[in-house]
Amino acid sequence: MPRSVPSTACLPYARLAAHLTALRTTARLTLRGLAQAAAVSRGTVQNAESGISAPSPAVLDALLNACRAGDEDRREAHNRRSHGRAAAHGRRYRAPAPALINSRGGLADVLADAYEKAGAPPPPLSPVPRRGWPGSPEPSCAISSTAAGFPRPRNSWASS
């Protein structure tokens, strides 16, 4: 019974696959020739060109080198790989509107919203007091060591 192969249009790496196939065709390489030139297996090239999986960044660079791809084609291939990975994991890249970010607080709010939408727990409403910080209920290590009878460390610049 023949194996059914899913359509590349519904695969997350379909755009990368089409780009790699076009680059290989432009370079006039066969699958086997590209695999030999990039020092990878033919199956790796087949998987990348079918959209089943994305090659690692190092393998993608080797394939692009073998196809003698230009800078623009390299950027496009890496962008398509990133977008395919995001689609494979159910995420989308949505940049916040620049009007929302006009200060560090605005950036923090936008990032907190993005983390919550991704499923992370919301951040605490107030900063968690750290041990030894001003306003924290616990003393710092220097105070604790002095209270325990250990001498306070001397600074070399203070004694001269």
Protein backbone atom coordinates (compact mmCIF):
# COMPACT_ATOMS: atom_id res chain seq x y z
CA MET A 1 0.00 0.00 0.00
CA PRO A 2 1.52 3.38 -0.94
CA ARG A 3 2.36 5.76 1.85
CA SER A 4 0.28 8.93 1.96
CA VAL A 5 2.33 12.10 2.05
CA PRO A 6 0.67 15.23 3.43
CA SER A 7 0.33 18.25 1.17
CA THR A 8 3.20 20.68 1.66
CA ALA A 9 0.75 23.61 1.76
CA CYS A 10 -0.45 22.64 5.26
CA LEU A 11 2.99 21.94 6.71
CA PRO A 12 4.61 24.62 8.90
CA TYR A 13 7.85 24.56 6.88
CA ALA A 14 6.19 24.66 3.44
CA ARG A 15 7.50 28.16 2.65
CA LEU A 16 11.04 27.18 3.63
CA ALA A 17 10.73 24.00 1.56
CA ALA A 18 9.67 25.95 -1.53
CA HIS A 19 12.52 28.42 -1.01
CA LEU A 20 15.14 25.67 -0.66
CA THR A 21 13.81 23.84 -3.71
CA ALA A 22 13.96 27.04 -5.76
CA LEU A 23 17.54 27.70 -4.63
CA ARG A 24 18.60 24.14 -5.49
CA THR A 25 16.96 24.34 -8.89
CA THR A 26 18.61 27.70 -9.60
CA ALA A 27 21.99 26.23 -8.63
CA ARG A 28 21.28 23.28 -11.00
CA LEU A 29 21.90 20.69 -8.30
CA THR A 30 20.20 17.35 -7.80
CA LEU A 31 19.14 16.18 -4.35
CA ARG A 32 22.16 13.90 -4.22
CA GLY A 33 24.47 16.66 -5.50
CA LEU A 34 23.20 19.14 -2.89
CA ALA A 35 23.57 16.55 -0.14
CA GLN A 36 27.17 15.82 -1.15
CA ALA A 37 28.07 19.51 -1.49
CA ALA A 38 26.55 20.32 1.92
CA ALA A 39 27.98 17.15 3.57
CA VAL A 40 24.56 15.99 4.78
CA SER A 41 22.46 12.95 3.98
CA ARG A 42 20.05 12.90 1.07
CA GLY A 43 17.24 12.25 3.54
CA THR A 44 18.03 15.51 5.31
CA VAL A 45 17.69 17.39 2.03
CA GLN A 46 14.46 15.51 1.22
CA ASN A 47 12.96 16.33 4.63
CA ALA A 48 13.89 20.00 4.27
CA GLU A 49 12.47 20.24 0.75
CA SER A 50 9.28 18.37 1.57
CA GLY A 51 8.47 20.64 4.53
CA ILE A 52 8.31 17.74 7.00
CA SER A 53 10.99 19.23 9.23
CA ALA A 54 13.29 22.20 9.27
CA PRO A 55 17.03 21.73 9.21
CA SER A 56 19.09 23.05 12.10
CA PRO A 57 20.63 26.49 11.55
CA ALA A 58 24.02 24.89 10.86
CA VAL A 59 22.59 22.46 8.29
CA LEU A 60 20.54 25.26 6.72
CA ASP A 61 23.73 27.32 6.36
CA ALA A 62 25.49 24.34 4.76
CA LEU A 63 22.62 23.93 2.28
CA LEU A 64 22.65 27.64 1.49
CA ASN A 65 26.44 27.59 1.00
CA ALA A 66 26.14 24.64 -1.38
CA CYS A 67 23.47 26.50 -3.37
CA ARG A 68 25.63 29.63 -3.40
CA ALA A 69 22.78 31.68 -1.96
CA GLY A 70 23.12 35.44 -1.59
CA ASP A 71 22.62 37.45 1.58
CA GLU A 72 18.98 38.22 0.85
CA ASP A 73 18.20 34.53 0.19
CA ARG A 74 19.97 33.58 3.43
CA ARG A 75 17.93 36.07 5.45
CA GLU A 76 14.75 34.88 3.78
CA ALA A 77 15.56 31.21 4.50
CA HIS A 78 16.30 31.88 8.17
CA ASN A 79 13.14 34.00 8.51
CA ARG A 80 11.05 31.26 6.93
CA ARG A 81 12.61 28.71 9.29
CA SER A 82 11.79 30.90 12.32
CA HIS A 83 8.21 31.46 11.19
CA GLY A 84 7.82 27.74 10.49
CA ARG A 85 9.04 26.88 13.98
CA ALA A 86 6.58 29.35 15.46
CA ALA A 87 3.73 27.86 13.41
CA ALA A 88 4.76 24.34 14.38
CA HIS A 89 4.50 25.30 18.05
CA GLY A 90 1.26 27.24 17.61
CA ARG A 91 2.78 30.68 18.15
CA ARG A 92 2.58 33.79 16.04
CA TYR A 93 4.91 36.72 15.89
CA ARG A 94 3.01 39.87 16.68
CA ALA A 95 5.01 42.99 17.26
CA PRO A 96 3.44 45.50 19.65
CA ALA A 97 2.37 48.84 18.26
CA PRO A 98 5.18 51.39 18.71
CA ALA A 99 2.71 53.81 20.33
CA LEU A 100 2.36 51.41 23.27
CA ILE A 101 6.04 51.53 24.09
CA ASN A 102 7.20 54.96 25.15
CA SER A 103 8.99 54.07 28.37
CA ARG A 104 10.48 51.14 30.23
CA GLY A 105 7.17 50.69 32.03
CA GLY A 106 5.33 50.49 28.72
CA LEU A 107 7.77 47.88 27.47
CA ALA A 108 7.35 45.91 30.70
CA ASP A 109 3.55 46.01 30.31
CA VAL A 110 3.69 44.82 26.69
CA LEU A 111 6.11 42.00 27.59
CA ALA A 112 3.96 40.95 30.57
CA ASP A 113 0.90 40.75 28.30
CA ALA A 114 2.83 38.69 25.73
CA TYR A 115 4.04 36.27 28.42
CA GLU A 116 0.52 35.86 29.81
CA LYS A 117 -0.88 35.18 26.32
CA ALA A 118 1.82 32.55 25.86
CA GLY A 119 0.64 30.78 29.04
CA ALA A 120 3.14 32.08 31.59
CA PRO A 121 1.84 33.04 35.04
CA PRO A 122 1.31 36.77 35.59
CA PRO A 123 4.14 38.65 37.32
CA PRO A 124 3.74 39.63 40.97
CA LEU A 125 2.11 43.01 41.57
CA SER A 126 4.99 44.30 43.66
CA PRO A 127 8.65 43.40 43.49
CA VAL A 128 9.63 40.51 45.69
CA PRO A 129 11.85 41.86 48.49
CA ARG A 130 15.30 40.37 48.30
CA ARG A 131 17.38 39.49 51.30
CA GLY A 132 19.63 42.35 52.27
CA TRP A 133 17.98 44.93 50.00
CA PRO A 134 16.86 48.22 51.51
CA GLY A 135 13.39 47.81 52.95
CA SER A 136 13.55 44.03 53.23
CA PRO A 137 12.73 42.44 56.59
CA GLU A 138 15.87 40.27 56.59
CA PRO A 139 19.30 41.75 57.28
CA SER A 140 22.06 41.63 54.71
CA CYS A 141 24.93 39.18 55.03
CA ALA A 142 27.33 41.90 56.23
CA ILE A 143 25.03 42.76 59.16
CA SER A 144 24.49 39.09 59.98
CA SER A 145 28.21 38.33 59.95
CA THR A 146 28.93 41.33 62.20
CA ALA A 147 26.18 40.26 64.60
CA ALA A 148 27.66 36.77 64.66
CA GLY A 149 30.99 38.15 65.87
CA PHE A 150 32.93 38.03 62.62
CA PRO A 151 34.89 41.14 61.76
CA ARG A 152 33.56 43.31 58.99
CA PRO A 153 35.60 43.04 55.77
CA ARG A 154 37.96 45.97 55.26
CA ASN A 155 38.23 47.74 51.96
CA SER A 156 41.76 48.27 50.69
CA TRP A 157 40.86 51.75 49.41
CA ALA A 158 39.45 52.85 52.80
CA SER A 159 42.62 52.05 54.75
CA SER A 160 44.99 54.10 52.61
